[in-house]
């Protein structure tokens, strides 16, 4: 496979090679792809956490609406009729 880097990307890779972080351009590309995979996995985990939080918030809201008030009325009964 042949990959064309932008001039900025090529300069970044060159600096990493000069600093001793990588020996070859291929190593930099491999690390970038590994980080990309990790970021994608973390993003998916974040979506799952957000969905769970939304379900929990909905359950709490429903529980609040269904809990009788000390005055014998549910909170929904206090709302104006539609």
C-alpha atoms as a PDB file:
ATOM      1  CA  UNK A   1       0.000   0.000   0.000  1.00  0.00           C
ATOM      2  CA  UNK A   2       1.200   3.484  -0.807  1.00  0.00           C
ATOM      3  CA  UNK A   3       0.124   6.391   1.405  1.00  0.00           C
ATOM      4  CA  UNK A   4       0.494  10.027   0.421  1.00  0.00           C
ATOM      5  CA  UNK A   5       1.039  12.292   3.403  1.00  0.00           C
ATOM      6  CA  UNK A   6       0.352  15.991   3.338  1.00  0.00           C
ATOM      7  CA  UNK A   7       3.405  18.241   3.687  1.00  0.00           C
ATOM      8  CA  UNK A   8       2.434  18.973   7.320  1.00  0.00           C
ATOM      9  CA  UNK A   9       2.041  15.266   8.078  1.00  0.00           C
ATOM     10  CA  UNK A  10       5.352  14.463   6.436  1.00  0.00           C
ATOM     11  CA  UNK A  11       7.063  17.185   8.510  1.00  0.00           C
ATOM     12  CA  UNK A  12       5.499  15.816  11.699  1.00  0.00           C
ATOM     13  CA  UNK A  13       6.697  12.300  10.895  1.00  0.00           C
ATOM     14  CA  UNK A  14      10.155  13.605  10.042  1.00  0.00           C
ATOM     15  CA  UNK A  15      10.393  15.416  13.388  1.00  0.00           C
ATOM     16  CA  UNK A  16       9.358  12.216  15.185  1.00  0.00           C
ATOM     17  CA  UNK A  17      12.065  10.270  13.328  1.00  0.00           C
ATOM     18  CA  UNK A  18      14.690  12.941  14.076  1.00  0.00           C
ATOM     19  CA  UNK A  19      13.758  12.891  17.764  1.00  0.00           C
ATOM     20  CA  UNK A  20      14.261   9.131  17.869  1.00  0.00           C
ATOM     21  CA  UNK A  21      10.635   8.272  18.492  1.00  0.00           C
ATOM     22  CA  UNK A  22      10.482   6.282  15.242  1.00  0.00           C
ATOM     23  CA  UNK A  23      13.090   4.817  12.934  1.00  0.00           C
ATOM     24  CA  UNK A  24      10.912   4.725   9.803  1.00  0.00           C
ATOM     25  CA  UNK A  25       7.834   6.457   8.385  1.00  0.00           C
ATOM     26  CA  UNK A  26       5.964   3.145   8.454  1.00  0.00           C
ATOM     27  CA  UNK A  27       6.233   3.014  12.246  1.00  0.00           C
ATOM     28  CA  UNK A  28       4.634   6.439  12.555  1.00  0.00           C
ATOM     29  CA  UNK A  29       1.758   5.441  10.278  1.00  0.00           C
ATOM     30  CA  UNK A  30       1.249   2.185  12.198  1.00  0.00           C
ATOM     31  CA  UNK A  31       1.076   4.067  15.498  1.00  0.00           C
ATOM     32  CA  UNK A  32      -1.321   6.615  14.025  1.00  0.00           C
ATOM     33  CA  UNK A  33      -3.636   3.827  12.866  1.00  0.00           C
ATOM     34  CA  UNK A  34      -3.448   2.107  16.261  1.00  0.00           C
ATOM     35  CA  UNK A  35      -4.370   5.374  17.983  1.00  0.00           C
ATOM     36  CA  UNK A  36      -7.211   5.873  15.520  1.00  0.00           C
ATOM     37  CA  UNK A  37      -8.571   2.412  16.368  1.00  0.00           C
ATOM     38  CA  UNK A  38      -8.321   3.194  20.085  1.00  0.00           C
ATOM     39  CA  UNK A  39     -10.092   6.529  19.642  1.00  0.00           C
ATOM     40  CA  UNK A  40     -12.889   4.836  17.691  1.00  0.00           C
ATOM     41  CA  UNK A  41     -13.328   2.229  20.431  1.00  0.00           C
ATOM     42  CA  UNK A  42     -13.403   4.926  23.129  1.00  0.00           C
ATOM     43  CA  UNK A  43     -15.944   6.914  21.120  1.00  0.00           C
ATOM     44  CA  UNK A  44     -18.206   3.864  20.888  1.00  0.00           C
ATOM     45  CA  UNK A  45     -17.847   3.301  24.631  1.00  0.00           C
ATOM     46  CA  UNK A  46     -18.798   6.937  25.188  1.00  0.00           C
ATOM     47  CA  UNK A  47     -21.957   6.459  23.105  1.00  0.00           C
ATOM     48  CA  UNK A  48     -22.870   3.380  25.141  1.00  0.00           C
ATOM     49  CA  UNK A  49     -22.355   5.287  28.397  1.00  0.00           C
ATOM     50  CA  UNK A  50     -24.477   8.169  27.108  1.00  0.00           C
ATOM     51  CA  UNK A  51     -27.288   5.778  26.124  1.00  0.00           C
ATOM     52  CA  UNK A  52     -27.201   4.154  29.571  1.00  0.00           C
ATOM     53  CA  UNK A  53     -27.271   7.561  31.242  1.00  0.00           C
ATOM     54  CA  UNK A  54     -30.266   8.589  29.129  1.00  0.00           C
ATOM     55  CA  UNK A  55     -32.128   5.403  30.050  1.00  0.00           C
ATOM     56  CA  UNK A  56     -31.334   5.964  33.718  1.00  0.00           C
ATOM     57  CA  UNK A  57     -32.498   9.591  33.550  1.00  0.00           C
ATOM     58  CA  UNK A  58     -35.742   8.445  31.913  1.00  0.00           C
ATOM     59  CA  UNK A  59     -36.297   5.806  34.593  1.00  0.00           C
ATOM     60  CA  UNK A  60     -35.684   8.354  37.353  1.00  0.00           C
ATOM     61  CA  UNK A  61     -38.066  10.824  35.712  1.00  0.00           C
ATOM     62  CA  UNK A  62     -40.757   8.144  35.363  1.00  0.00           C
ATOM     63  CA  UNK A  63     -40.282   7.094  38.972  1.00  0.00           C
ATOM     64  CA  UNK A  64     -40.609  10.725  40.053  1.00  0.00           C
ATOM     65  CA  UNK A  65     -43.793  11.154  38.036  1.00  0.00           C
ATOM     66  CA  UNK A  66     -45.300   7.964  39.443  1.00  0.00           C
ATOM     67  CA  UNK A  67     -44.407   8.637  43.074  1.00  0.00           C
ATOM     68  CA  UNK A  68     -47.406   9.919  45.029  1.00  0.00           C
ATOM     69  CA  UNK A  69     -47.015  13.323  46.577  1.00  0.00           C
ATOM     70  CA  UNK A  70     -47.569  13.801  50.322  1.00  0.00           C
ATOM     71  CA  UNK A  71     -50.890  15.478  49.413  1.00  0.00           C
ATOM     72  CA  UNK A  72     -52.265  12.400  47.695  1.00  0.00           C
ATOM     73  CA  UNK A  73     -51.788  13.667  44.133  1.00  0.00           C
ATOM     74  CA  UNK A  74     -49.317  12.405  41.612  1.00  0.00           C
ATOM     75  CA  UNK A  75     -47.195  15.107  40.029  1.00  0.00           C
ATOM     76  CA  UNK A  76     -48.917  14.449  36.709  1.00  0.00           C
ATOM     77  CA  UNK A  77     -52.271  15.357  38.277  1.00  0.00           C
ATOM     78  CA  UNK A  78     -51.000  18.861  38.957  1.00  0.00           C
ATOM     79  CA  UNK A  79     -50.500  19.590  35.265  1.00  0.00           C
ATOM     80  CA  UNK A  80     -53.146  21.336  33.184  1.00  0.00           C
ATOM     81  CA  UNK A  81     -55.309  19.009  31.078  1.00  0.00           C
ATOM     82  CA  UNK A  82     -54.428  18.767  27.386  1.00  0.00           C
END
